[in-house]
Amino acid sequence: MRSLSEIETVSKRASRAVGFSWGEAEEIGKNIRLLELFGLPGIKNLNLFLSEKKNNRFENLNLISETNKSNKNHFCPISTGISFLDQIDNLKDKIVSINNIAYPILFIPFLSRSSEIIGKRIKLKFNQAQIILNFNVNIYSDNNFSDLILKGKDVEISFLENTDSFSEDEWKNLYKLSEDTFVEESESLKQGGAGAGLTDND
């Protein structure tokens, strides 16, 4: 297997070779590393995207609003992702829709990293697939994306409120059980505890 470091470096250099700036190429390298780490087909999608970029024009989405439509070409997943990452503080309370984005798998890592920045999970939906991005720690999806998705239609991004997965009663029961490990304070423990003692060493 290729190492994640090698995947990141080669992805970065290949992206620079087809015209992305070094800064953009570094973002792409990080993202492909992340996709492969999570078991998603980053290299496969990047290969095809870079090949297509030479001959086709993608729209850049620089300023993201709640509704984003392109009447001509599909949005570029890289420029859209960088814009989203840069504008995340202004977007975190909105539902964002994008009508068409090329190679949407390449857009996913930008959202994963955004989730970590704002401390909220992000839900992404496109082409009947649903993905939950959890603080850049893991990705849950109902699709393994083994079938290549060249165009993402009706992309929707929403932010999920942080809630516990357990009830208050379940928490209280567990806490009560944990109390069995508490040691009852005694005079000997007070004497031997941190900061205790009658001798001044200064």
C-alpha atoms as a PDB file:
ATOM      1  CA  MET A   1       0.000   0.000   0.000  1.00  0.00           C
ATOM      2  CA  ARG A   2       1.069   3.579  -0.651  1.00  0.00           C
ATOM      3  CA  SER A   3       1.679   5.624   2.470  1.00  0.00           C
ATOM      4  CA  LEU A   4      -0.609   8.541   3.270  1.00  0.00           C
ATOM      5  CA  SER A   5       2.393  10.862   3.059  1.00  0.00           C
ATOM      6  CA  GLU A   6       3.158   9.646  -0.461  1.00  0.00           C
ATOM      7  CA  ILE A   7      -0.486   9.999  -1.489  1.00  0.00           C
ATOM      8  CA  GLU A   8      -0.556  13.598  -0.243  1.00  0.00           C
ATOM      9  CA  THR A   9       2.718  14.566  -1.941  1.00  0.00           C
ATOM     10  CA  VAL A  10       1.930  13.057  -5.352  1.00  0.00           C
ATOM     11  CA  SER A  11      -1.619  14.470  -5.330  1.00  0.00           C
ATOM     12  CA  LYS A  12      -0.237  17.919  -4.545  1.00  0.00           C
ATOM     13  CA  ARG A  13       2.372  17.792  -7.327  1.00  0.00           C
ATOM     14  CA  ALA A  14      -0.070  16.442  -9.915  1.00  0.00           C
ATOM     15  CA  SER A  15      -2.541  19.217  -9.074  1.00  0.00           C
ATOM     16  CA  ARG A  16       0.152  21.849  -9.432  1.00  0.00           C
ATOM     17  CA  ALA A  17       1.149  20.343 -12.785  1.00  0.00           C
ATOM     18  CA  VAL A  18      -2.324  20.939 -14.288  1.00  0.00           C
ATOM     19  CA  GLY A  19      -2.470  24.587 -13.244  1.00  0.00           C
ATOM     20  CA  PHE A  20      -3.533  24.863  -9.618  1.00  0.00           C
ATOM     21  CA  SER A  21      -1.489  27.231  -7.461  1.00  0.00           C
ATOM     22  CA  TRP A  22       0.816  25.695  -4.853  1.00  0.00           C
ATOM     23  CA  GLY A  23      -1.616  26.797  -2.131  1.00  0.00           C
ATOM     24  CA  GLU A  24      -4.551  25.109  -3.876  1.00  0.00           C
ATOM     25  CA  ALA A  25      -2.429  22.045  -4.601  1.00  0.00           C
ATOM     26  CA  GLU A  26      -1.543  21.730  -0.912  1.00  0.00           C
ATOM     27  CA  GLU A  27      -5.249  21.772  -0.025  1.00  0.00           C
ATOM     28  CA  ILE A  28      -5.902  19.064  -2.605  1.00  0.00           C
ATOM     29  CA  GLY A  29      -3.061  16.935  -1.256  1.00  0.00           C
ATOM     30  CA  LYS A  30      -4.449  17.122   2.304  1.00  0.00           C
ATOM     31  CA  ASN A  31      -7.917  16.235   1.061  1.00  0.00           C
ATOM     32  CA  ILE A  32      -6.909  13.205  -0.986  1.00  0.00           C
ATOM     33  CA  ARG A  33      -4.954  11.941   2.009  1.00  0.00           C
ATOM     34  CA  LEU A  34      -8.113  12.342   4.098  1.00  0.00           C
ATOM     35  CA  LEU A  35     -10.358  10.563   1.592  1.00  0.00           C
ATOM     36  CA  GLU A  36      -8.014   7.594   1.341  1.00  0.00           C
ATOM     37  CA  LEU A  37      -7.668   7.494   5.136  1.00  0.00           C
ATOM     38  CA  PHE A  38     -11.467   7.218   5.410  1.00  0.00           C
ATOM     39  CA  GLY A  39     -11.584   4.535   2.704  1.00  0.00           C
ATOM     40  CA  LEU A  40     -13.133   6.713  -0.007  1.00  0.00           C
ATOM     41  CA  PRO A  41     -11.828   6.733  -3.610  1.00  0.00           C
ATOM     42  CA  GLY A  42      -9.794   9.945  -3.573  1.00  0.00           C
ATOM     43  CA  ILE A  43      -7.066   8.987  -6.061  1.00  0.00           C
ATOM     44  CA  LYS A  44      -9.581   7.601  -8.557  1.00  0.00           C
ATOM     45  CA  ASN A  45     -11.679  10.772  -8.489  1.00  0.00           C
ATOM     46  CA  LEU A  46      -8.687  13.114  -8.572  1.00  0.00           C
ATOM     47  CA  ASN A  47      -7.191  11.322 -11.587  1.00  0.00           C
ATOM     48  CA  LEU A  48     -10.366  11.738 -13.617  1.00  0.00           C
ATOM     49  CA  PHE A  49     -10.984  15.293 -12.429  1.00  0.00           C
ATOM     50  CA  LEU A  50      -7.468  16.457 -13.362  1.00  0.00           C
ATOM     51  CA  SER A  51      -7.751  14.760 -16.769  1.00  0.00           C
ATOM     52  CA  GLU A  52     -11.082  16.439 -17.439  1.00  0.00           C
ATOM     53  CA  LYS A  53      -9.866  19.820 -16.190  1.00  0.00           C
ATOM     54  CA  LYS A  54      -7.418  20.030 -19.088  1.00  0.00           C
ATOM     55  CA  ASN A  55     -10.249  20.018 -21.630  1.00  0.00           C
ATOM     56  CA  ASN A  56     -13.322  21.302 -19.797  1.00  0.00           C
ATOM     57  CA  ARG A  57     -14.044  24.467 -17.930  1.00  0.00           C
ATOM     58  CA  PHE A  58     -15.553  24.358 -14.452  1.00  0.00           C
ATOM     59  CA  GLU A  59     -17.233  27.290 -12.751  1.00  0.00           C
ATOM     60  CA  ASN A  60     -15.578  28.800  -9.701  1.00  0.00           C
ATOM     61  CA  LEU A  61     -17.849  29.499  -6.740  1.00  0.00           C
ATOM     62  CA  ASN A  62     -16.115  32.263  -4.816  1.00  0.00           C
ATOM     63  CA  LEU A  63     -18.924  33.701  -2.708  1.00  0.00           C
ATOM     64  CA  ILE A  64     -21.236  31.061  -1.258  1.00  0.00           C
ATOM     65  CA  SER A  65     -24.834  31.922  -0.396  1.00  0.00           C
ATOM     66  CA  GLU A  66     -27.765  29.769   0.691  1.00  0.00           C
ATOM     67  CA  THR A  67     -28.701  29.049  -2.944  1.00  0.00           C
ATOM     68  CA  ASN A  68     -25.956  28.633  -5.553  1.00  0.00           C
ATOM     69  CA  LYS A  69     -26.795  27.951  -9.195  1.00  0.00           C
ATOM     70  CA  SER A  70     -24.722  27.625 -12.315  1.00  0.00           C
ATOM     71  CA  ASN A  71     -26.567  27.843 -15.607  1.00  0.00           C
ATOM     72  CA  LYS A  72     -23.530  26.832 -17.629  1.00  0.00           C
ATOM     73  CA  ASN A  73     -20.785  24.548 -16.378  1.00  0.00           C
ATOM     74  CA  HIS A  74     -20.595  22.494 -13.208  1.00  0.00           C
ATOM     75  CA  PHE A  75     -18.959  24.070 -10.189  1.00  0.00           C
ATOM     76  CA  CYS A  76     -15.360  23.091  -9.504  1.00  0.00           C
ATOM     77  CA  PRO A  77     -15.183  20.984  -6.300  1.00  0.00           C
ATOM     78  CA  ILE A  78     -11.827  22.510  -5.361  1.00  0.00           C
ATOM     79  CA  SER A  79     -12.638  26.221  -5.655  1.00  0.00           C
ATOM     80  CA  THR A  80     -16.055  25.584  -4.081  1.00  0.00           C
ATOM     81  CA  GLY A  81     -14.469  23.659  -1.223  1.00  0.00           C
ATOM     82  CA  ILE A  82     -11.832  26.302  -0.540  1.00  0.00           C
ATOM     83  CA  SER A  83     -14.511  29.014  -0.541  1.00  0.00           C
ATOM     84  CA  PHE A  84     -16.654  26.963   1.840  1.00  0.00           C
ATOM     85  CA  LEU A  85     -13.744  26.421   4.211  1.00  0.00           C
ATOM     86  CA  ASP A  86     -12.874  30.130   4.146  1.00  0.00           C
ATOM     87  CA  GLN A  87     -16.494  31.233   4.733  1.00  0.00           C
ATOM     88  CA  ILE A  88     -17.543  28.565   7.226  1.00  0.00           C
ATOM     89  CA  ASP A  89     -18.183  31.029  10.084  1.00  0.00           C
ATOM     90  CA  ASN A  90     -20.796  32.830   7.964  1.00  0.00           C
ATOM     91  CA  LEU A  91     -22.431  29.614   6.741  1.00  0.00           C
ATOM     92  CA  LYS A  92     -22.682  27.528   9.929  1.00  0.00           C
ATOM     93  CA  ASP A  93     -26.296  28.475  10.706  1.00  0.00           C
ATOM     94  CA  LYS A  94     -27.644  28.100   7.160  1.00  0.00           C
ATOM     95  CA  ILE A  95     -28.768  25.349   4.824  1.00  0.00           C
ATOM     96  CA  VAL A  96     -26.664  25.660   1.683  1.00  0.00           C
ATOM     97  CA  SER A  97     -27.721  24.278  -1.689  1.00  0.00           C
ATOM     98  CA  ILE A  98     -25.589  23.932  -4.818  1.00  0.00           C
ATOM     99  CA  ASN A  99     -27.348  22.806  -7.978  1.00  0.00           C
ATOM    100  CA  ASN A 100     -24.424  21.105  -9.740  1.00  0.00           C
ATOM    101  CA  ILE A 101     -20.898  20.287  -8.652  1.00  0.00           C
ATOM    102  CA  ALA A 102     -18.350  18.177 -10.504  1.00  0.00           C
ATOM    103  CA  TYR A 103     -16.770  15.185  -8.743  1.00  0.00           C
ATOM    104  CA  PRO A 104     -18.561  15.777  -5.418  1.00  0.00           C
ATOM    105  CA  ILE A 105     -16.344  13.215  -3.635  1.00  0.00           C
ATOM    106  CA  LEU A 106     -13.532  15.776  -3.874  1.00  0.00           C
ATOM    107  CA  PHE A 107     -15.746  18.303  -2.055  1.00  0.00           C
ATOM    108  CA  ILE A 108     -16.302  16.047   0.986  1.00  0.00           C
ATOM    109  CA  PRO A 109     -12.950  16.646   2.773  1.00  0.00           C
ATOM    110  CA  PHE A 110     -13.502  20.410   2.779  1.00  0.00           C
ATOM    111  CA  LEU A 111     -16.729  19.833   4.702  1.00  0.00           C
ATOM    112  CA  SER A 112     -15.037  17.380   7.037  1.00  0.00           C
ATOM    113  CA  ARG A 113     -12.389  19.953   7.913  1.00  0.00           C
ATOM    114  CA  SER A 114     -15.075  22.642   8.274  1.00  0.00           C
ATOM    115  CA  SER A 115     -16.862  20.426  10.790  1.00  0.00           C
ATOM    116  CA  GLU A 116     -13.777  20.410  12.991  1.00  0.00           C
ATOM    117  CA  ILE A 117     -13.394  24.213  12.785  1.00  0.00           C
ATOM    118  CA  ILE A 118     -16.943  25.009  13.931  1.00  0.00           C
ATOM    119  CA  GLY A 119     -17.354  22.028  16.294  1.00  0.00           C
ATOM    120  CA  LYS A 120     -20.558  20.835  14.615  1.00  0.00           C
ATOM    121  CA  ARG A 121     -21.414  17.795  12.544  1.00  0.00           C
ATOM    122  CA  ILE A 122     -22.304  18.482   8.920  1.00  0.00           C
ATOM    123  CA  LYS A 123     -24.798  16.571   6.793  1.00  0.00           C
ATOM    124  CA  LEU A 124     -24.220  16.420   3.046  1.00  0.00           C
ATOM    125  CA  LYS A 125     -26.783  15.101   0.558  1.00  0.00           C
ATOM    126  CA  PHE A 126     -26.469  14.592  -3.203  1.00  0.00           C
ATOM    127  CA  ASN A 127     -27.635  12.035  -5.777  1.00  0.00           C
ATOM    128  CA  GLN A 128     -29.609  10.071  -3.133  1.00  0.00           C
ATOM    129  CA  ALA A 129     -26.476   9.721  -0.962  1.00  0.00           C
ATOM    130  CA  GLN A 130     -26.244  11.009   2.613  1.00  0.00           C
ATOM    131  CA  ILE A 131     -22.981  11.684   4.432  1.00  0.00           C
ATOM    132  CA  ILE A 132     -22.414  12.774   8.036  1.00  0.00           C
ATOM    133  CA  LEU A 133     -19.073  14.457   8.730  1.00  0.00           C
ATOM    134  CA  ASN A 134     -17.978  14.215  12.336  1.00  0.00           C
ATOM    135  CA  PHE A 135     -15.416  16.835  13.397  1.00  0.00           C
ATOM    136  CA  ASN A 136     -12.873  15.575  10.818  1.00  0.00           C
ATOM    137  CA  VAL A 137     -12.538  12.390  12.877  1.00  0.00           C
ATOM    138  CA  ASN A 138     -14.744  10.061  10.842  1.00  0.00           C
ATOM    139  CA  ILE A 139     -17.267  10.008   8.022  1.00  0.00           C
ATOM    140  CA  TYR A 140     -20.541   8.081   8.000  1.00  0.00           C
ATOM    141  CA  SER A 141     -22.195   7.418   4.648  1.00  0.00           C
ATOM    142  CA  ASP A 142     -24.931   5.198   3.269  1.00  0.00           C
ATOM    143  CA  ASN A 143     -22.868   4.874   0.064  1.00  0.00           C
ATOM    144  CA  ASN A 144     -19.302   3.571  -0.349  1.00  0.00           C
ATOM    145  CA  PHE A 145     -18.991   5.438  -3.676  1.00  0.00           C
ATOM    146  CA  SER A 146     -17.491   2.463  -5.485  1.00  0.00           C
ATOM    147  CA  ASP A 147     -19.499   3.658  -8.505  1.00  0.00           C
ATOM    148  CA  LEU A 148     -17.975   6.862  -9.797  1.00  0.00           C
ATOM    149  CA  ILE A 149     -20.131   9.985  -9.441  1.00  0.00           C
ATOM    150  CA  LEU A 150     -18.996  12.567 -11.974  1.00  0.00           C
ATOM    151  CA  LYS A 151     -21.682  15.144 -11.265  1.00  0.00           C
ATOM    152  CA  GLY A 152     -23.386  15.912  -7.990  1.00  0.00           C
ATOM    153  CA  LYS A 153     -26.912  17.228  -8.440  1.00  0.00           C
ATOM    154  CA  ASP A 154     -29.001  19.074  -5.880  1.00  0.00           C
ATOM    155  CA  VAL A 155     -26.234  19.204  -3.289  1.00  0.00           C
ATOM    156  CA  GLU A 156     -27.516  20.211   0.172  1.00  0.00           C
ATOM    157  CA  ILE A 157     -25.352  21.035   3.184  1.00  0.00           C
ATOM    158  CA  SER A 158     -26.840  21.394   6.660  1.00  0.00           C
ATOM    159  CA  PHE A 159     -25.377  21.739  10.134  1.00  0.00           C
ATOM    160  CA  LEU A 160     -26.441  19.444  12.959  1.00  0.00           C
ATOM    161  CA  GLU A 161     -26.849  20.613  16.537  1.00  0.00           C
ATOM    162  CA  ASN A 162     -24.659  18.875  19.085  1.00  0.00           C
ATOM    163  CA  THR A 163     -26.789  16.544  21.210  1.00  0.00           C
ATOM    164  CA  ASP A 164     -26.032  13.575  23.425  1.00  0.00           C
ATOM    165  CA  SER A 165     -26.913  10.146  22.055  1.00  0.00           C
ATOM    166  CA  PHE A 166     -28.215   9.062  25.480  1.00  0.00           C
ATOM    167  CA  SER A 167     -31.030  10.129  27.801  1.00  0.00           C
ATOM    168  CA  GLU A 168     -30.624  11.950  31.100  1.00  0.00           C
ATOM    169  CA  ASP A 169     -31.794   8.823  32.960  1.00  0.00           C
ATOM    170  CA  GLU A 170     -29.160   6.703  31.221  1.00  0.00           C
ATOM    171  CA  TRP A 171     -26.499   9.205  32.235  1.00  0.00           C
ATOM    172  CA  LYS A 172     -27.686   9.269  35.866  1.00  0.00           C
ATOM    173  CA  ASN A 173     -27.684   5.473  36.049  1.00  0.00           C
ATOM    174  CA  LEU A 174     -24.136   5.290  34.735  1.00  0.00           C
ATOM    175  CA  TYR A 175     -22.957   8.076  37.025  1.00  0.00           C
ATOM    176  CA  LYS A 176     -24.508   6.366  40.047  1.00  0.00           C
ATOM    177  CA  LEU A 177     -22.626   3.191  39.157  1.00  0.00           C
ATOM    178  CA  SER A 178     -19.372   5.152  38.852  1.00  0.00           C
ATOM    179  CA  GLU A 179     -19.827   6.444  42.397  1.00  0.00           C
ATOM    180  CA  ASP A 180     -18.882   2.989  43.670  1.00  0.00           C
ATOM    181  CA  THR A 181     -15.273   3.848  42.796  1.00  0.00           C
ATOM    182  CA  PHE A 182     -15.261   6.949  44.994  1.00  0.00           C
ATOM    183  CA  VAL A 183     -13.164   6.586  48.162  1.00  0.00           C
ATOM    184  CA  GLU A 184     -14.707   7.916  51.310  1.00  0.00           C
ATOM    185  CA  GLU A 185     -12.518  10.614  52.831  1.00  0.00           C
ATOM    186  CA  SER A 186     -10.815   9.721  56.113  1.00  0.00           C
ATOM    187  CA  GLU A 187      -8.426  11.497  58.435  1.00  0.00           C
ATOM    188  CA  SER A 188      -5.468   9.447  57.166  1.00  0.00           C
ATOM    189  CA  LEU A 189      -6.289  10.375  53.553  1.00  0.00           C
ATOM    190  CA  LYS A 190      -6.467  14.035  54.501  1.00  0.00           C
ATOM    191  CA  GLN A 191      -2.994  13.798  56.093  1.00  0.00           C
ATOM    192  CA  GLY A 192      -1.489  12.053  53.069  1.00  0.00           C
ATOM    193  CA  GLY A 193      -3.214  14.039  50.342  1.00  0.00           C
ATOM    194  CA  ALA A 194      -1.560  16.558  48.037  1.00  0.00           C
ATOM    195  CA  GLY A 195      -0.530  19.654  49.926  1.00  0.00           C
ATOM    196  CA  ALA A 196      -1.019  18.003  53.299  1.00  0.00           C
ATOM    197  CA  GLY A 197       1.635  17.639  55.970  1.00  0.00           C
ATOM    198  CA  LEU A 198       2.989  19.551  58.875  1.00  0.00           C
ATOM    199  CA  THR A 199       6.598  19.914  57.717  1.00  0.00           C
ATOM    200  CA  ASP A 200       7.667  23.095  55.956  1.00  0.00           C
ATOM    201  CA  ASN A 201      10.507  22.268  53.550  1.00  0.00           C
ATOM    202  CA  ASP A 202      11.312  25.868  52.637  1.00  0.00           C
END
